[in-house]
Amino acid sequence: MIFELINPSDKCTFEAPNLKIAALVTCVLGNGQYCAKGIENDLDVPFRGGSGNLNNTYK
């Protein structure tokens, strides 16, 4: 799956095998301040756990 890191300056995309890894990459690259949006799908990694809390996804 390909995701775009949503940040105010440079465009950044990355590939992750699943949403959990995408969340980890987003946290590391964005230092906990950015979110990511799925390019090939409608999966998003929320900002700091936002309204789309990932815990609900992995119960």
Protein backbone atom coordinates (compact mmCIF):
# COMPACT_ATOMS: atom_id res chain seq x y z
CA MET A 1 0.00 0.00 0.00
CA ILE A 2 1.27 3.48 -0.82
CA PHE A 3 0.65 6.40 1.53
CA GLU A 4 1.30 10.13 1.34
CA LEU A 5 2.64 11.81 4.45
CA ILE A 6 0.57 14.97 4.90
CA ASN A 7 2.94 17.76 5.88
CA PRO A 8 3.15 21.50 5.19
CA SER A 9 6.30 21.46 3.05
CA ASP A 10 7.76 18.59 1.02
CA LYS A 11 5.71 15.87 -0.64
CA CYS A 12 6.61 12.47 0.78
CA THR A 13 5.23 9.05 -0.11
CA PHE A 14 6.08 5.66 1.34
CA GLU A 15 5.08 2.04 0.90
CA ALA A 16 3.90 -0.12 3.79
CA PRO A 17 2.62 -3.73 3.82
CA ASN A 18 -0.25 -2.90 6.21
CA LEU A 19 -1.90 -0.09 8.17
CA LYS A 20 -0.03 -0.86 11.40
CA ILE A 21 3.37 -0.42 9.70
CA ALA A 22 2.08 2.71 7.95
CA ALA A 23 1.17 4.14 11.37
CA LEU A 24 4.66 3.39 12.68
CA VAL A 25 6.33 4.99 9.64
CA THR A 26 4.04 8.02 9.89
CA CYS A 27 4.90 8.47 13.56
CA VAL A 28 8.65 8.21 12.91
CA LEU A 29 8.75 10.40 9.79
CA GLY A 30 6.26 12.94 11.08
CA ASN A 31 7.58 12.97 14.64
CA GLY A 32 3.99 12.48 15.83
CA GLN A 33 2.82 15.69 14.16
CA TYR A 34 1.55 14.52 10.74
CA CYS A 35 -0.99 12.12 9.34
CA ALA A 36 -0.89 9.94 6.23
CA LYS A 37 -3.46 9.34 3.51
CA GLY A 38 -3.73 6.19 1.43
CA ILE A 39 -3.11 6.80 -2.27
CA GLU A 40 -4.24 3.42 -3.63
CA ASN A 41 -7.00 2.92 -1.04
CA ASP A 42 -9.17 4.84 1.42
CA LEU A 43 -7.08 3.93 4.48
CA ASP A 44 -5.78 6.85 6.50
CA VAL A 45 -3.38 7.10 9.43
CA PRO A 46 -4.91 9.67 11.79
CA PHE A 47 -3.08 12.56 13.42
CA ARG A 48 -2.12 11.56 17.00
CA GLY A 49 -4.82 8.92 17.10
CA GLY A 50 -7.52 11.44 16.05
CA SER A 51 -11.08 10.42 15.30
CA GLY A 52 -9.91 7.41 13.30
CA ASN A 53 -8.23 5.75 16.28
CA LEU A 54 -6.18 2.76 15.09
CA ASN A 55 -6.99 0.78 18.25
CA ASN A 56 -10.48 0.19 16.87
CA THR A 57 -8.96 -1.25 13.69
CA TYR A 58 -6.86 -3.90 15.48
CA LYS A 59 -9.25 -5.23 18.15
